[in-house]
Amino acid sequence: MALDSFPASVSLRDGSTVTLTPFQPSCSGALLSFYRHLPEEDRLLLRDDVTTTDWAEGFLGRVETREVISLVAKSGGKIVGEATLYRTLHGWTRHVGELRVNVATAFRRRGLATALATAQVSIATELGIEKIIVQVVDNQLAARRTFEKLGFHKEAVFPRHIMDVAGNKRDLVVLANDVSQIWAAMEASRQDYAGHPV
């Protein structure tokens, strides 16, 4: 799925639909609002402080250089989910992408995270990315299950590697797989992205 195939309408598990579209500069305020409304316990575990205008400006800059490919999910004109594919354009990891997915509380367990991740894996294929990694905190069990269903497997664990803003330390789990194998796993369960997501 190439970027020019968006916007795309996706059916969720409960029959509702959302629209996936590439992030645009005009969406900066809406994206900040989305992140500011995530539960604080979720934001504590994010790598960046996504509630600041400085972060939004830096993020936009990376989108413009195409280091970052961002898809947002919209419902009723509001952003309800966002998936980001990070990559380096030069150097020894230019074949590797990192995927991050966040979904509004009201849209969890409805298949939106799976739809966003699936779309980004498709985009990664078009971009020539060969391997995708995902970093999750050890207690983010739902996120791990979502990615494992998409063919990701545990590749490394870094004990007490994460420190949230409250100073609590947790293990960092790195999931990874080759894009071809991820795509094969998704093809085996096409319903995840075609109206019956898990």
C-alpha atoms as a PDB file:
ATOM      1  CA  MET A   1       0.000   0.000   0.000  1.00  0.00           C
ATOM      2  CA  ALA A   2       1.637   3.213  -1.164  1.00  0.00           C
ATOM      3  CA  LEU A   3       1.065   6.573   0.476  1.00  0.00           C
ATOM      4  CA  ASP A   4      -0.837   7.770  -2.574  1.00  0.00           C
ATOM      5  CA  SER A   5      -3.501   5.131  -1.874  1.00  0.00           C
ATOM      6  CA  PHE A   6      -4.654   7.098   1.174  1.00  0.00           C
ATOM      7  CA  PRO A   7      -7.004   8.214   2.589  1.00  0.00           C
ATOM      8  CA  ALA A   8      -8.425   4.751   3.191  1.00  0.00           C
ATOM      9  CA  SER A   9     -11.531   3.711   5.089  1.00  0.00           C
ATOM     10  CA  VAL A  10     -11.133   0.820   7.536  1.00  0.00           C
ATOM     11  CA  SER A  11     -13.879  -1.181   9.240  1.00  0.00           C
ATOM     12  CA  LEU A  12     -13.295  -1.992  12.897  1.00  0.00           C
ATOM     13  CA  ARG A  13     -14.458  -5.009  14.866  1.00  0.00           C
ATOM     14  CA  ASP A  14     -17.687  -3.353  16.013  1.00  0.00           C
ATOM     15  CA  GLY A  15     -18.659  -2.303  12.479  1.00  0.00           C
ATOM     16  CA  SER A  16     -17.638   1.327  12.881  1.00  0.00           C
ATOM     17  CA  THR A  17     -15.259   2.871  10.374  1.00  0.00           C
ATOM     18  CA  VAL A  18     -12.251   5.147  10.642  1.00  0.00           C
ATOM     19  CA  THR A  19     -10.242   6.910   7.972  1.00  0.00           C
ATOM     20  CA  LEU A  20      -6.496   6.395   7.753  1.00  0.00           C
ATOM     21  CA  THR A  21      -4.597   9.279   6.223  1.00  0.00           C
ATOM     22  CA  PRO A  22      -0.987  10.489   6.177  1.00  0.00           C
ATOM     23  CA  PHE A  23      -0.168  13.123   8.766  1.00  0.00           C
ATOM     24  CA  GLN A  24      -0.246  16.649   7.353  1.00  0.00           C
ATOM     25  CA  PRO A  25       1.133  19.869   8.872  1.00  0.00           C
ATOM     26  CA  SER A  26      -2.437  21.102   9.271  1.00  0.00           C
ATOM     27  CA  CYS A  27      -3.026  18.168  11.668  1.00  0.00           C
ATOM     28  CA  SER A  28      -0.361  19.282  14.169  1.00  0.00           C
ATOM     29  CA  GLY A  29      -2.814  20.806  16.621  1.00  0.00           C
ATOM     30  CA  ALA A  30      -5.151  17.824  16.406  1.00  0.00           C
ATOM     31  CA  LEU A  31      -2.263  15.399  16.952  1.00  0.00           C
ATOM     32  CA  LEU A  32      -1.119  17.317  20.027  1.00  0.00           C
ATOM     33  CA  SER A  33      -4.680  17.203  21.354  1.00  0.00           C
ATOM     34  CA  PHE A  34      -4.819  13.451  20.745  1.00  0.00           C
ATOM     35  CA  TYR A  35      -1.639  12.837  22.695  1.00  0.00           C
ATOM     36  CA  ARG A  36      -2.589  15.219  25.487  1.00  0.00           C
ATOM     37  CA  HIS A  37      -5.799  13.241  26.002  1.00  0.00           C
ATOM     38  CA  LEU A  38      -4.088   9.869  26.303  1.00  0.00           C
ATOM     39  CA  PRO A  39      -4.156   8.533  29.868  1.00  0.00           C
ATOM     40  CA  GLU A  40      -1.234   9.825  31.889  1.00  0.00           C
ATOM     41  CA  GLU A  41      -0.050   6.283  32.637  1.00  0.00           C
ATOM     42  CA  ASP A  42       0.324   5.735  28.885  1.00  0.00           C
ATOM     43  CA  ARG A  43       2.174   8.971  28.306  1.00  0.00           C
ATOM     44  CA  LEU A  44       4.584   8.158  31.142  1.00  0.00           C
ATOM     45  CA  LEU A  45       5.866   5.239  29.053  1.00  0.00           C
ATOM     46  CA  LEU A  46       6.333   7.097  25.782  1.00  0.00           C
ATOM     47  CA  ARG A  47       9.877   7.858  24.706  1.00  0.00           C
ATOM     48  CA  ASP A  48       9.178  11.563  24.111  1.00  0.00           C
ATOM     49  CA  ASP A  49       7.042  14.188  25.788  1.00  0.00           C
ATOM     50  CA  VAL A  50       4.434  14.255  23.040  1.00  0.00           C
ATOM     51  CA  THR A  51       2.397  16.993  24.703  1.00  0.00           C
ATOM     52  CA  THR A  52       4.712  19.888  23.861  1.00  0.00           C
ATOM     53  CA  THR A  53       4.771  22.174  20.845  1.00  0.00           C
ATOM     54  CA  ASP A  54       8.547  21.633  20.644  1.00  0.00           C
ATOM     55  CA  TRP A  55       7.940  17.917  20.111  1.00  0.00           C
ATOM     56  CA  ALA A  56       5.273  18.645  17.482  1.00  0.00           C
ATOM     57  CA  GLU A  57       7.608  20.953  15.583  1.00  0.00           C
ATOM     58  CA  GLY A  58      10.416  18.407  15.656  1.00  0.00           C
ATOM     59  CA  PHE A  59       8.054  15.648  14.590  1.00  0.00           C
ATOM     60  CA  LEU A  60       6.807  17.725  11.670  1.00  0.00           C
ATOM     61  CA  GLY A  61      10.389  18.364  10.595  1.00  0.00           C
ATOM     62  CA  ARG A  62      11.119  14.631  10.506  1.00  0.00           C
ATOM     63  CA  VAL A  63       7.931  13.998   8.532  1.00  0.00           C
ATOM     64  CA  GLU A  64       9.014  16.590   5.985  1.00  0.00           C
ATOM     65  CA  THR A  65      12.412  14.884   5.544  1.00  0.00           C
ATOM     66  CA  ARG A  66      10.614  11.508   5.305  1.00  0.00           C
ATOM     67  CA  GLU A  67      12.607  10.082   8.188  1.00  0.00           C
ATOM     68  CA  VAL A  68       9.172   9.581   9.694  1.00  0.00           C
ATOM     69  CA  ILE A  69       6.066   8.215   8.000  1.00  0.00           C
ATOM     70  CA  SER A  70       3.023   8.994  10.127  1.00  0.00           C
ATOM     71  CA  LEU A  71      -0.518   7.730   9.622  1.00  0.00           C
ATOM     72  CA  VAL A  72      -3.400   9.106  11.645  1.00  0.00           C
ATOM     73  CA  ALA A  73      -6.789   7.497  12.136  1.00  0.00           C
ATOM     74  CA  LYS A  74      -9.750   9.870  12.188  1.00  0.00           C
ATOM     75  CA  SER A  75     -13.303   9.411  13.386  1.00  0.00           C
ATOM     76  CA  GLY A  76     -15.809  12.233  13.468  1.00  0.00           C
ATOM     77  CA  GLY A  77     -13.078  14.645  12.422  1.00  0.00           C
ATOM     78  CA  LYS A  78     -10.895  13.783  15.435  1.00  0.00           C
ATOM     79  CA  ILE A  79      -7.632  11.874  15.534  1.00  0.00           C
ATOM     80  CA  VAL A  80      -8.217   8.623  17.442  1.00  0.00           C
ATOM     81  CA  GLY A  81      -4.985   6.810  16.624  1.00  0.00           C
ATOM     82  CA  GLU A  82      -1.517   7.360  15.197  1.00  0.00           C
ATOM     83  CA  ALA A  83       1.160   5.028  13.865  1.00  0.00           C
ATOM     84  CA  THR A  84       4.671   6.154  13.083  1.00  0.00           C
ATOM     85  CA  LEU A  85       7.330   4.397  11.040  1.00  0.00           C
ATOM     86  CA  TYR A  86      10.789   5.723  11.923  1.00  0.00           C
ATOM     87  CA  ARG A  87      13.741   5.089   9.635  1.00  0.00           C
ATOM     88  CA  THR A  88      17.222   6.347   8.908  1.00  0.00           C
ATOM     89  CA  LEU A  89      17.843   7.448   5.352  1.00  0.00           C
ATOM     90  CA  HIS A  90      21.587   6.719   5.477  1.00  0.00           C
ATOM     91  CA  GLY A  91      23.918   4.432   7.391  1.00  0.00           C
ATOM     92  CA  TRP A  92      24.025   0.815   8.436  1.00  0.00           C
ATOM     93  CA  THR A  93      20.409   0.595   9.683  1.00  0.00           C
ATOM     94  CA  ARG A  94      18.761   2.175   6.639  1.00  0.00           C
ATOM     95  CA  HIS A  95      17.052  -1.187   5.936  1.00  0.00           C
ATOM     96  CA  VAL A  96      15.404  -1.168   9.396  1.00  0.00           C
ATOM     97  CA  GLY A  97      12.268   0.672  10.478  1.00  0.00           C
ATOM     98  CA  GLU A  98      10.853   1.199  13.949  1.00  0.00           C
ATOM     99  CA  LEU A  99       7.092   1.127  14.414  1.00  0.00           C
ATOM    100  CA  ARG A 100       5.185   2.959  17.148  1.00  0.00           C
ATOM    101  CA  VAL A 101       1.388   2.837  17.521  1.00  0.00           C
ATOM    102  CA  ASN A 102      -0.916   4.724  19.898  1.00  0.00           C
ATOM    103  CA  VAL A 103      -4.703   4.535  20.067  1.00  0.00           C
ATOM    104  CA  ALA A 104      -7.281   6.533  22.018  1.00  0.00           C
ATOM    105  CA  THR A 105      -8.759   4.638  24.955  1.00  0.00           C
ATOM    106  CA  ALA A 106     -12.258   4.490  23.449  1.00  0.00           C
ATOM    107  CA  PHE A 107     -10.910   2.810  20.300  1.00  0.00           C
ATOM    108  CA  ARG A 108      -8.856   0.085  21.940  1.00  0.00           C
ATOM    109  CA  ARG A 109      -9.723  -3.597  21.526  1.00  0.00           C
ATOM    110  CA  ARG A 110     -11.578  -2.725  18.327  1.00  0.00           C
ATOM    111  CA  GLY A 111      -8.826  -3.581  15.872  1.00  0.00           C
ATOM    112  CA  LEU A 112      -7.538  -0.087  15.218  1.00  0.00           C
ATOM    113  CA  ALA A 113      -3.979  -0.754  16.386  1.00  0.00           C
ATOM    114  CA  THR A 114      -3.858  -3.794  14.104  1.00  0.00           C
ATOM    115  CA  ALA A 115      -5.165  -1.779  11.157  1.00  0.00           C
ATOM    116  CA  LEU A 116      -2.625   0.995  11.698  1.00  0.00           C
ATOM    117  CA  ALA A 117       0.260  -1.446  12.089  1.00  0.00           C
ATOM    118  CA  THR A 118      -0.813  -3.391   9.007  1.00  0.00           C
ATOM    119  CA  ALA A 119      -0.947  -0.246   6.915  1.00  0.00           C
ATOM    120  CA  GLN A 120       2.517   0.798   8.070  1.00  0.00           C
ATOM    121  CA  VAL A 121       4.007  -2.623   7.292  1.00  0.00           C
ATOM    122  CA  SER A 122       2.575  -2.297   3.793  1.00  0.00           C
ATOM    123  CA  ILE A 123       4.144   1.145   3.439  1.00  0.00           C
ATOM    124  CA  ALA A 124       7.462  -0.226   4.733  1.00  0.00           C
ATOM    125  CA  THR A 125       7.373  -2.819   1.964  1.00  0.00           C
ATOM    126  CA  GLU A 126       6.922  -0.072  -0.625  1.00  0.00           C
ATOM    127  CA  LEU A 127       9.843   1.860   0.879  1.00  0.00           C
ATOM    128  CA  GLY A 128      12.179  -1.116   0.697  1.00  0.00           C
ATOM    129  CA  ILE A 129      12.459  -1.559   4.458  1.00  0.00           C
ATOM    130  CA  GLU A 130      13.463  -5.140   5.209  1.00  0.00           C
ATOM    131  CA  LYS A 131      13.075  -5.380   8.976  1.00  0.00           C
ATOM    132  CA  ILE A 132      10.799  -3.709  11.512  1.00  0.00           C
ATOM    133  CA  ILE A 133      11.330  -3.461  15.245  1.00  0.00           C
ATOM    134  CA  VAL A 134       8.889  -2.495  17.988  1.00  0.00           C
ATOM    135  CA  GLN A 135       9.872  -1.489  21.505  1.00  0.00           C
ATOM    136  CA  VAL A 136       7.389  -2.105  24.317  1.00  0.00           C
ATOM    137  CA  VAL A 137       7.532  -1.991  28.092  1.00  0.00           C
ATOM    138  CA  ASP A 138       7.273  -5.379  29.776  1.00  0.00           C
ATOM    139  CA  ASN A 139       3.809  -4.709  31.209  1.00  0.00           C
ATOM    140  CA  GLN A 140       2.264  -3.585  27.894  1.00  0.00           C
ATOM    141  CA  LEU A 141       0.772  -7.027  27.330  1.00  0.00           C
ATOM    142  CA  ALA A 142      -2.001  -5.971  24.942  1.00  0.00           C
ATOM    143  CA  ALA A 143       0.509  -4.222  22.696  1.00  0.00           C
ATOM    144  CA  ARG A 144       2.742  -7.282  22.686  1.00  0.00           C
ATOM    145  CA  ARG A 145      -0.161  -9.534  21.721  1.00  0.00           C
ATOM    146  CA  THR A 146      -1.130  -7.208  18.866  1.00  0.00           C
ATOM    147  CA  PHE A 147       2.349  -7.273  17.378  1.00  0.00           C
ATOM    148  CA  GLU A 148       2.867 -10.990  17.970  1.00  0.00           C
ATOM    149  CA  LYS A 149      -0.306 -11.675  15.975  1.00  0.00           C
ATOM    150  CA  LEU A 150       1.313  -9.725  13.157  1.00  0.00           C
ATOM    151  CA  GLY A 151       4.357 -11.993  13.170  1.00  0.00           C
ATOM    152  CA  PHE A 152       6.700 -10.075  15.474  1.00  0.00           C
ATOM    153  CA  HIS A 153       8.763 -12.082  17.955  1.00  0.00           C
ATOM    154  CA  LYS A 154      10.814 -11.173  21.007  1.00  0.00           C
ATOM    155  CA  GLU A 155      14.368 -10.416  19.989  1.00  0.00           C
ATOM    156  CA  ALA A 156      15.828  -8.854  23.133  1.00  0.00           C
ATOM    157  CA  VAL A 157      15.033  -7.792  26.687  1.00  0.00           C
ATOM    158  CA  PHE A 158      16.852  -4.951  28.426  1.00  0.00           C
ATOM    159  CA  PRO A 159      16.271  -5.226  32.195  1.00  0.00           C
ATOM    160  CA  ARG A 160      15.327  -1.992  34.006  1.00  0.00           C
ATOM    161  CA  HIS A 161      16.087  -0.063  30.822  1.00  0.00           C
ATOM    162  CA  ILE A 162      13.005   2.185  30.942  1.00  0.00           C
ATOM    163  CA  MET A 163      12.560   4.957  33.475  1.00  0.00           C
ATOM    164  CA  ASP A 164       9.264   6.821  33.397  1.00  0.00           C
ATOM    165  CA  VAL A 165       8.920  10.432  34.503  1.00  0.00           C
ATOM    166  CA  ALA A 166       8.073   9.223  38.013  1.00  0.00           C
ATOM    167  CA  GLY A 167      11.424   7.420  38.229  1.00  0.00           C
ATOM    168  CA  ASN A 168      10.048   3.868  38.021  1.00  0.00           C
ATOM    169  CA  LYS A 169      12.210   1.398  36.092  1.00  0.00           C
ATOM    170  CA  ARG A 170      10.894  -1.415  33.909  1.00  0.00           C
ATOM    171  CA  ASP A 171      12.221  -3.856  31.344  1.00  0.00           C
ATOM    172  CA  LEU A 172      12.305  -2.907  27.666  1.00  0.00           C
ATOM    173  CA  VAL A 173      11.220  -5.661  25.265  1.00  0.00           C
ATOM    174  CA  VAL A 174      12.286  -5.446  21.621  1.00  0.00           C
ATOM    175  CA  LEU A 175      10.085  -7.286  19.119  1.00  0.00           C
ATOM    176  CA  ALA A 176      11.198  -7.678  15.527  1.00  0.00           C
ATOM    177  CA  ASN A 177      10.818  -9.566  12.285  1.00  0.00           C
ATOM    178  CA  ASP A 178      11.663  -9.354   8.622  1.00  0.00           C
ATOM    179  CA  VAL A 179       9.000  -7.485   6.667  1.00  0.00           C
ATOM    180  CA  SER A 180       8.440 -10.462   4.351  1.00  0.00           C
ATOM    181  CA  GLN A 181       7.615 -12.708   7.305  1.00  0.00           C
ATOM    182  CA  ILE A 182       5.405 -10.090   8.932  1.00  0.00           C
ATOM    183  CA  TRP A 183       3.553  -9.676   5.652  1.00  0.00           C
ATOM    184  CA  ALA A 184       3.111 -13.455   5.338  1.00  0.00           C
ATOM    185  CA  ALA A 185       1.617 -13.598   8.846  1.00  0.00           C
ATOM    186  CA  MET A 186      -0.781 -10.786   7.971  1.00  0.00           C
ATOM    187  CA  GLU A 187      -1.777 -12.415   4.695  1.00  0.00           C
ATOM    188  CA  ALA A 188      -2.633 -15.554   6.650  1.00  0.00           C
ATOM    189  CA  SER A 189      -5.155 -13.519   8.620  1.00  0.00           C
ATOM    190  CA  ARG A 190      -6.298 -10.966   6.033  1.00  0.00           C
ATOM    191  CA  GLN A 191      -9.512 -10.451   7.992  1.00  0.00           C
ATOM    192  CA  ASP A 192      -7.491  -8.357  10.471  1.00  0.00           C
ATOM    193  CA  TYR A 193      -7.444  -5.546   7.941  1.00  0.00           C
ATOM    194  CA  ALA A 194     -10.498  -6.291   5.846  1.00  0.00           C
ATOM    195  CA  GLY A 195     -13.343  -5.683   8.227  1.00  0.00           C
ATOM    196  CA  HIS A 196     -12.884  -8.262  10.988  1.00  0.00           C
ATOM    197  CA  PRO A 197      -9.836  -7.063  12.910  1.00  0.00           C
ATOM    198  CA  VAL A 198      -8.604  -8.741  16.046  1.00  0.00           C
END
